[in-house]
Amino acid sequence: MQSYKQWKAETGVTLSSLVSEKSNIKRFKGNNLADIKTNIWISELTGFVRGEEKITQYLKVEQGVNVKLYGNSIGDTLFRKSLISPYINSNLTFKNFYLEFGLSANFYESQSYYVPRFFASLNILPELKVDFTYSKSKSLVYKRPVVYNKYFAEKQWRLSNGANIPENEYFIFGVDYLWQGWTFNIDAYRKSMKEKYKVVKVSSQPSVYKINSVVNGIDLMVNKEAFRTVFTGAFSKQFVNDDLGDNLKIEEYSPTEYKFTTLSDFKPFYVSSLFSYADGYEDQYCRLDLAAYYKLIKKRYSVSFGFSVLNVLNRKNYKVIEDLAYTSGQKDLVSIYYEPISLTPTFSIEISF
């Protein structure tokens, strides 16, 4: 009888950092009302130990621990946090069926929580596959609206203080079909978000509220590989329901988005691009992201370098616009704009042993 117990382990350290420095001038009828300057820095240092064991011909188990150290600088104020996450993943593989289950315990500040994950896939035909995914996660680094001078708001990166951590829950059902080198995919999903933050106009002034949001949607995708590059086109339609609570109204909207991506493999160099276009907003949403990646592999270690630029065209991409009374008793309005992300370069390095 053949033994399938095989064990392998690895350790490593990764470092990533995001810096956002910008000045937003708010105007009303040609006059400057406020110059909002922000200087925000977030870094994440991760150390990990993980091991993988093949127990039988069909069952494989991975165990490990991730330790993350966060730094968040807002102006002259610096915050430091840590996260410890032991986890276990199990994979069960048969000829036409694949099952994966994972669970992690997370200890952050004075809080502890568990994150489950489940995935199942069935090949009905050689060219036809169906799958189901369930996952739950917490967002320790997220964007939160900040109101300035009672009338102006923007979203800024924040590091959770450990209380009321934003939570996401996903249910996804998907179908994949292969035809002459083309891949077609359709996903129907439901996403629930708790402890999400949003600016709401109350008594002519903006306030930041914690809301619960439910998103039902459908994604269509097609891709083709040629010239060492994978080309992908995607269409997405969402139906969003934001429950504002506190006897406020429920907001509903249904944006549509189109995406085109490329991923080129010129080992050891990798280059990717993402172009997004969306309608259903006051202003057309149009964004281009570019990234490059280099990986050096040696016998005893590997080093990876990554560089990316988000919103290369530096478009404002106003997705949410709220009109608020400029001063009490006047009919004139001042618009509050949310910029999802400005021109943002990022750099990362990963060392594995």
Protein backbone atom coordinates (compact mmCIF):
# COMPACT_ATOMS: atom_id res chain seq x y z
CA MET A 1 0.00 0.00 0.00
CA GLN A 2 1.42 3.35 -1.03
CA SER A 3 1.78 6.05 1.63
CA TYR A 4 0.68 9.56 0.68
CA LYS A 5 1.85 11.37 3.80
CA GLN A 6 4.13 14.08 2.46
CA TRP A 7 5.10 17.25 4.35
CA LYS A 8 6.61 20.48 3.14
CA ALA A 9 6.93 23.86 4.83
CA GLU A 10 8.00 27.41 4.03
CA THR A 11 8.40 30.77 5.72
CA GLY A 12 8.55 34.30 4.37
CA VAL A 13 8.12 38.02 4.90
CA THR A 14 6.22 40.56 2.79
CA LEU A 15 6.05 44.34 2.99
CA SER A 16 3.55 46.63 1.28
CA SER A 17 2.91 50.34 1.64
CA LEU A 18 0.37 52.89 0.39
CA VAL A 19 0.90 56.65 0.44
CA SER A 20 -1.83 59.17 -0.39
CA GLU A 21 -0.95 62.86 -0.52
CA LYS A 22 -3.36 65.22 -2.23
CA SER A 23 -5.06 68.58 -2.11
CA ASN A 24 -8.73 68.88 -3.04
CA ILE A 25 -10.10 72.36 -3.61
CA LYS A 26 -13.90 72.61 -3.23
CA ARG A 27 -15.53 75.34 -5.28
CA PHE A 28 -18.94 77.02 -5.34
CA LYS A 29 -19.89 79.29 -8.25
CA GLY A 30 -16.23 79.76 -9.14
CA ASN A 31 -15.13 80.61 -5.60
CA ASN A 32 -12.80 78.43 -3.54
CA LEU A 33 -14.53 77.39 -0.32
CA ALA A 34 -12.06 74.90 1.13
CA ASP A 35 -8.66 73.43 0.38
CA ILE A 36 -8.66 69.92 1.85
CA LYS A 37 -5.12 68.61 2.23
CA THR A 38 -4.53 64.99 3.23
CA ASN A 39 -1.35 63.08 4.00
CA ILE A 40 -2.05 59.41 4.77
CA TRP A 41 0.36 56.47 4.90
CA ILE A 42 -0.45 52.80 5.57
CA SER A 43 2.05 49.95 5.69
CA GLU A 44 1.67 46.22 6.25
CA LEU A 45 4.52 43.88 7.27
CA THR A 46 3.58 40.19 7.13
CA GLY A 47 5.49 37.17 8.38
CA PHE A 48 4.17 33.69 7.73
CA VAL A 49 4.89 30.04 8.44
CA ARG A 50 2.92 27.40 6.59
CA GLY A 51 3.09 23.68 6.05
CA GLU A 52 1.31 21.36 3.64
CA GLU A 53 0.66 17.65 4.03
CA LYS A 54 -0.77 15.20 1.51
CA ILE A 55 -2.61 12.74 3.75
CA THR A 56 -4.19 10.50 1.09
CA GLN A 57 -4.43 10.37 -2.69
CA TYR A 58 -7.45 12.67 -2.48
CA LEU A 59 -6.93 14.76 0.67
CA LYS A 60 -4.41 17.56 1.24
CA VAL A 61 -4.22 19.78 4.34
CA GLU A 62 -2.42 23.10 4.78
CA GLN A 63 -1.79 24.75 8.15
CA GLY A 64 -0.05 27.96 9.01
CA VAL A 65 0.15 31.23 10.90
CA ASN A 66 0.21 34.78 9.50
CA VAL A 67 1.48 37.64 11.67
CA LYS A 68 0.82 41.16 10.38
CA LEU A 69 2.12 44.47 11.72
CA TYR A 70 0.24 47.57 10.55
CA GLY A 71 1.30 51.20 10.57
CA ASN A 72 -1.14 54.03 9.78
CA SER A 73 -0.05 57.67 9.67
CA ILE A 74 -2.72 60.38 9.33
CA GLY A 75 -1.03 63.75 9.26
CA ASP A 76 1.26 63.79 12.31
CA THR A 77 -0.57 60.97 14.13
CA LEU A 78 0.81 57.41 13.95
CA PHE A 79 -1.13 54.24 14.80
CA ARG A 80 0.37 50.75 15.20
CA LYS A 81 -1.67 47.52 15.25
CA SER A 82 -0.97 43.78 15.00
CA LEU A 83 -2.90 40.74 13.74
CA ILE A 84 -2.23 37.06 14.45
CA SER A 85 -4.06 34.54 12.21
CA PRO A 86 -3.59 30.77 12.58
CA TYR A 87 -5.47 28.88 9.87
CA ILE A 88 -6.18 25.49 8.31
CA ASN A 89 -7.23 24.65 4.75
CA SER A 90 -8.26 21.22 3.45
CA ASN A 91 -8.61 20.18 -0.20
CA LEU A 92 -10.47 17.08 -1.37
CA THR A 93 -9.95 16.18 -5.04
CA PHE A 94 -11.66 13.51 -7.13
CA LYS A 95 -11.85 13.04 -10.89
CA ASN A 96 -14.79 15.40 -11.52
CA PHE A 97 -15.30 16.96 -8.10
CA TYR A 98 -13.25 19.36 -5.98
CA LEU A 99 -14.00 20.53 -2.42
CA GLU A 100 -12.12 23.10 -0.35
CA PHE A 101 -12.80 24.23 3.20
CA GLY A 102 -10.82 26.74 5.23
CA LEU A 103 -11.04 28.35 8.65
CA SER A 104 -8.86 30.99 10.28
CA ALA A 105 -8.87 32.42 13.80
CA ASN A 106 -7.95 36.09 13.95
CA PHE A 107 -6.72 38.03 16.98
CA TYR A 108 -6.66 41.80 16.48
CA GLU A 109 -6.34 44.26 19.35
CA SER A 110 -8.82 43.03 21.99
CA GLN A 111 -11.04 41.32 19.39
CA SER A 112 -11.09 37.73 18.15
CA TYR A 113 -13.13 36.37 15.26
CA TYR A 114 -13.28 33.41 12.87
CA VAL A 115 -13.29 33.53 9.08
CA PRO A 116 -14.73 30.48 7.24
CA ARG A 117 -14.40 29.73 3.54
CA PHE A 118 -16.03 27.01 1.42
CA PHE A 119 -15.68 26.15 -2.28
CA ALA A 120 -17.10 23.23 -4.30
CA SER A 121 -16.69 22.53 -8.02
CA LEU A 122 -18.25 19.84 -10.26
CA ASN A 123 -17.31 19.02 -13.86
CA ILE A 124 -20.58 17.99 -15.53
CA LEU A 125 -18.93 17.67 -18.95
CA PRO A 126 -15.29 18.06 -20.04
CA GLU A 127 -16.13 21.58 -21.23
CA LEU A 128 -18.80 22.46 -18.62
CA LYS A 129 -18.25 23.15 -14.91
CA VAL A 130 -20.40 24.54 -12.08
CA ASP A 131 -19.17 25.82 -8.71
CA PHE A 132 -20.33 27.39 -5.46
CA THR A 133 -18.41 29.69 -3.10
CA TYR A 134 -19.09 30.95 0.40
CA SER A 135 -16.71 33.22 2.27
CA LYS A 136 -16.65 35.68 5.12
CA SER A 137 -14.01 38.31 5.80
CA LYS A 138 -13.15 41.37 7.88
CA SER A 139 -11.63 44.55 6.42
CA LEU A 140 -8.97 45.87 8.77
CA VAL A 141 -7.83 48.42 6.18
CA TYR A 142 -10.72 50.24 4.52
CA LYS A 143 -11.90 53.59 3.18
CA ARG A 144 -13.99 55.79 5.45
CA PRO A 145 -15.70 59.11 4.59
CA VAL A 146 -14.45 62.18 6.44
CA VAL A 147 -16.44 65.45 6.58
CA TYR A 148 -14.63 68.80 6.49
CA ASN A 149 -16.04 72.23 7.40
CA LYS A 150 -19.55 70.73 7.78
CA TYR A 151 -20.10 70.59 4.02
CA PHE A 152 -17.25 68.75 2.29
CA ALA A 153 -16.45 65.05 2.39
CA GLU A 154 -14.02 62.56 0.91
CA LYS A 155 -13.01 58.94 1.51
CA GLN A 156 -9.70 58.26 3.22
CA TRP A 157 -7.80 55.06 4.03
CA ARG A 158 -8.18 53.99 7.65
CA LEU A 159 -6.88 51.22 9.90
CA SER A 160 -9.56 49.65 12.10
CA ASN A 161 -9.34 50.35 15.83
CA GLY A 162 -10.57 46.82 16.58
CA ALA A 163 -14.20 47.73 17.31
CA ASN A 164 -16.96 47.42 14.69
CA ILE A 165 -14.68 46.01 11.99
CA PRO A 166 -16.31 46.15 8.52
CA GLU A 167 -17.51 42.65 7.57
CA ASN A 168 -18.20 41.09 4.16
CA GLU A 169 -20.10 37.88 3.37
CA TYR A 170 -20.29 36.34 -0.13
CA PHE A 171 -22.45 33.69 -1.82
CA ILE A 172 -21.47 32.95 -5.43
CA PHE A 173 -22.83 30.43 -7.96
CA GLY A 174 -20.86 30.11 -11.19
CA VAL A 175 -20.87 28.31 -14.53
CA ASP A 176 -17.81 27.91 -16.81
CA TYR A 177 -17.86 26.80 -20.44
CA LEU A 178 -14.88 26.13 -22.75
CA TRP A 179 -15.09 26.38 -26.53
CA GLN A 180 -12.21 26.34 -29.03
CA GLY A 181 -9.75 28.15 -26.77
CA TRP A 182 -12.33 30.61 -25.44
CA THR A 183 -13.56 30.61 -21.84
CA PHE A 184 -17.04 31.85 -20.96
CA ASN A 185 -18.10 32.43 -17.37
CA ILE A 186 -21.26 33.61 -15.62
CA ASP A 187 -21.52 34.30 -11.87
CA ALA A 188 -24.62 35.15 -9.86
CA TYR A 189 -23.87 36.44 -6.37
CA ARG A 190 -25.12 38.04 -3.19
CA LYS A 191 -22.80 40.17 -1.06
CA SER A 192 -23.66 41.47 2.40
CA MET A 193 -21.60 44.21 4.05
CA LYS A 194 -21.90 45.27 7.68
CA GLU A 195 -20.34 48.25 9.44
CA LYS A 196 -19.91 50.05 6.12
CA TYR A 197 -19.52 53.84 6.26
CA LYS A 198 -21.37 56.37 4.13
CA VAL A 199 -22.07 60.12 4.15
CA VAL A 200 -25.78 60.90 4.53
CA LYS A 201 -27.41 64.34 4.35
CA VAL A 202 -29.38 65.05 7.53
CA SER A 203 -30.84 68.53 8.22
CA SER A 204 -28.89 70.03 5.29
CA GLN A 205 -25.51 68.89 6.68
CA PRO A 206 -23.55 65.70 5.96
CA SER A 207 -23.00 63.09 8.64
CA VAL A 208 -21.06 59.83 8.55
CA TYR A 209 -23.32 56.83 9.20
CA LYS A 210 -22.61 53.14 9.66
CA ILE A 211 -24.86 51.22 7.29
CA ASN A 212 -25.61 47.67 6.20
CA SER A 213 -25.52 47.01 2.48
CA VAL A 214 -26.75 44.10 0.33
CA VAL A 215 -25.63 43.70 -3.29
CA ASN A 216 -27.20 41.22 -5.71
CA GLY A 217 -25.50 40.97 -9.07
CA ILE A 218 -24.47 39.07 -12.14
CA ASP A 219 -21.08 38.98 -13.89
CA LEU A 220 -20.40 37.83 -17.45
CA MET A 221 -16.81 37.22 -18.57
CA VAL A 222 -14.98 35.95 -21.64
CA ASN A 223 -11.23 35.45 -22.08
CA LYS A 224 -8.74 34.23 -24.64
CA GLU A 225 -4.99 33.58 -24.44
CA ALA A 226 -2.70 34.63 -27.30
CA PHE A 227 0.86 35.98 -27.67
CA ARG A 228 1.73 34.97 -24.07
CA THR A 229 -1.06 37.26 -22.88
CA VAL A 230 -4.49 36.56 -21.42
CA PHE A 231 -7.15 39.00 -22.69
CA THR A 232 -10.35 39.31 -20.64
CA GLY A 233 -13.58 41.24 -21.15
CA ALA A 234 -16.27 41.49 -18.47
CA PHE A 235 -19.76 42.90 -17.90
CA SER A 236 -21.28 43.46 -14.46
CA LYS A 237 -24.76 44.50 -13.32
CA GLN A 238 -25.51 45.18 -9.65
CA PHE A 239 -28.62 45.88 -7.61
CA VAL A 240 -27.61 47.66 -4.40
CA ASN A 241 -29.68 48.15 -1.25
CA ASP A 242 -28.19 50.40 1.47
CA ASP A 243 -29.99 50.29 4.82
CA LEU A 244 -29.11 53.54 6.58
CA GLY A 245 -30.86 52.67 9.86
CA ASP A 246 -32.00 55.28 12.42
CA ASN A 247 -35.35 55.59 10.63
CA LEU A 248 -33.63 56.91 7.51
CA LYS A 249 -34.69 55.82 4.04
CA ILE A 250 -33.28 52.79 2.24
CA GLU A 251 -31.24 53.79 -0.81
CA GLU A 252 -31.37 51.62 -3.95
CA TYR A 253 -29.38 51.94 -7.18
CA SER A 254 -28.19 49.64 -9.99
CA PRO A 255 -24.83 50.52 -11.64
CA THR A 256 -23.46 48.79 -14.75
CA GLU A 257 -19.73 48.26 -15.32
CA TYR A 258 -17.52 47.08 -18.20
CA LYS A 259 -13.91 45.91 -17.78
CA PHE A 260 -11.04 44.90 -20.03
CA THR A 261 -7.85 43.35 -18.64
CA THR A 262 -4.56 41.97 -19.94
CA LEU A 263 -1.98 39.80 -18.17
CA SER A 264 1.31 39.17 -19.97
CA ASP A 265 3.74 36.44 -18.88
CA PHE A 266 7.33 37.20 -19.95
CA LYS A 267 9.04 35.24 -17.17
CA PRO A 268 10.50 36.48 -14.89
CA PHE A 269 8.58 39.68 -15.78
CA TYR A 270 4.81 40.00 -15.61
CA VAL A 271 2.76 42.99 -16.79
CA SER A 272 -0.95 43.63 -16.28
CA SER A 273 -3.50 46.31 -17.10
CA LEU A 274 -7.11 46.99 -16.11
CA PHE A 275 -9.48 49.42 -17.84
CA SER A 276 -12.89 50.07 -16.26
CA TYR A 277 -15.91 51.99 -17.54
CA ALA A 278 -19.20 52.41 -15.70
CA ASP A 279 -22.48 54.25 -16.20
CA GLY A 280 -25.40 55.00 -13.93
CA TYR A 281 -23.51 57.82 -12.21
CA GLU A 282 -23.61 61.60 -12.53
CA ASP A 283 -20.27 61.54 -14.33
CA GLN A 284 -18.84 58.76 -16.50
CA TYR A 285 -16.53 56.46 -14.55
CA CYS A 286 -13.37 55.64 -16.50
CA ARG A 287 -10.21 54.26 -14.89
CA LEU A 288 -6.93 52.67 -16.01
CA ASP A 289 -4.61 50.68 -13.70
CA LEU A 290 -1.17 49.34 -14.66
CA ALA A 291 1.16 46.95 -12.81
CA ALA A 292 4.53 45.23 -13.31
CA TYR A 293 5.97 42.31 -11.37
CA TYR A 294 9.39 40.64 -11.25
CA LYS A 295 10.19 37.33 -9.52
CA LEU A 296 13.69 35.97 -8.91
CA ILE A 297 13.78 32.30 -7.88
CA LYS A 298 16.86 30.64 -6.34
CA LYS A 299 17.35 27.25 -4.73
CA ARG A 300 17.00 28.49 -1.16
CA TYR A 301 14.93 31.64 -1.55
CA SER A 302 12.85 33.75 -3.91
CA VAL A 303 12.45 37.53 -4.15
CA SER A 304 9.55 39.33 -5.81
CA PHE A 305 9.21 43.02 -6.64
CA GLY A 306 5.95 44.66 -7.66
CA PHE A 307 5.06 48.16 -8.83
CA SER A 308 1.61 49.43 -9.73
CA VAL A 309 -0.11 52.70 -10.56
CA LEU A 310 -3.82 53.06 -9.86
CA ASN A 311 -5.93 55.53 -11.85
CA VAL A 312 -3.17 56.31 -14.35
CA LEU A 313 -5.35 58.86 -16.15
CA ASN A 314 -6.01 60.60 -12.80
CA ARG A 315 -9.70 61.05 -13.57
CA LYS A 316 -11.93 62.30 -10.77
CA ASN A 317 -14.52 59.57 -11.39
CA TYR A 318 -17.31 61.01 -9.29
CA LYS A 319 -19.38 57.99 -8.27
CA VAL A 320 -21.53 59.51 -5.54
CA ILE A 321 -22.70 63.09 -5.54
CA GLU A 322 -24.74 64.64 -2.70
CA ASP A 323 -26.18 68.14 -2.95
CA LEU A 324 -26.25 70.05 0.33
CA ALA A 325 -27.51 73.51 1.27
CA TYR A 326 -24.59 75.96 1.20
CA THR A 327 -25.90 78.16 4.02
CA SER A 328 -29.09 78.07 6.03
CA GLY A 329 -32.06 79.54 4.21
CA GLN A 330 -30.43 79.61 0.77
CA LYS A 331 -31.54 77.53 -2.19
CA ASP A 332 -28.04 77.32 -3.60
CA LEU A 333 -26.39 73.91 -3.37
CA VAL A 334 -22.86 72.67 -2.88
CA SER A 335 -21.97 69.24 -4.27
CA ILE A 336 -20.05 66.67 -2.24
CA TYR A 337 -17.88 64.45 -4.38
CA TYR A 338 -16.37 61.08 -3.52
CA GLU A 339 -13.23 60.19 -5.40
CA PRO A 340 -12.83 56.39 -5.20
CA ILE A 341 -9.07 56.68 -5.63
CA SER A 342 -6.68 59.26 -7.04
CA LEU A 343 -3.46 58.65 -8.97
CA THR A 344 -1.74 56.21 -6.59
CA PRO A 345 1.63 54.46 -7.08
CA THR A 346 2.41 51.46 -4.84
CA PHE A 347 5.49 49.27 -4.38
CA SER A 348 5.78 45.82 -2.77
CA ILE A 349 8.54 43.31 -2.06
CA GLU A 350 8.23 39.67 -0.97
CA ILE A 351 11.04 37.40 0.27
CA SER A 352 10.40 33.66 0.70
CA PHE A 353 12.73 31.00 2.09
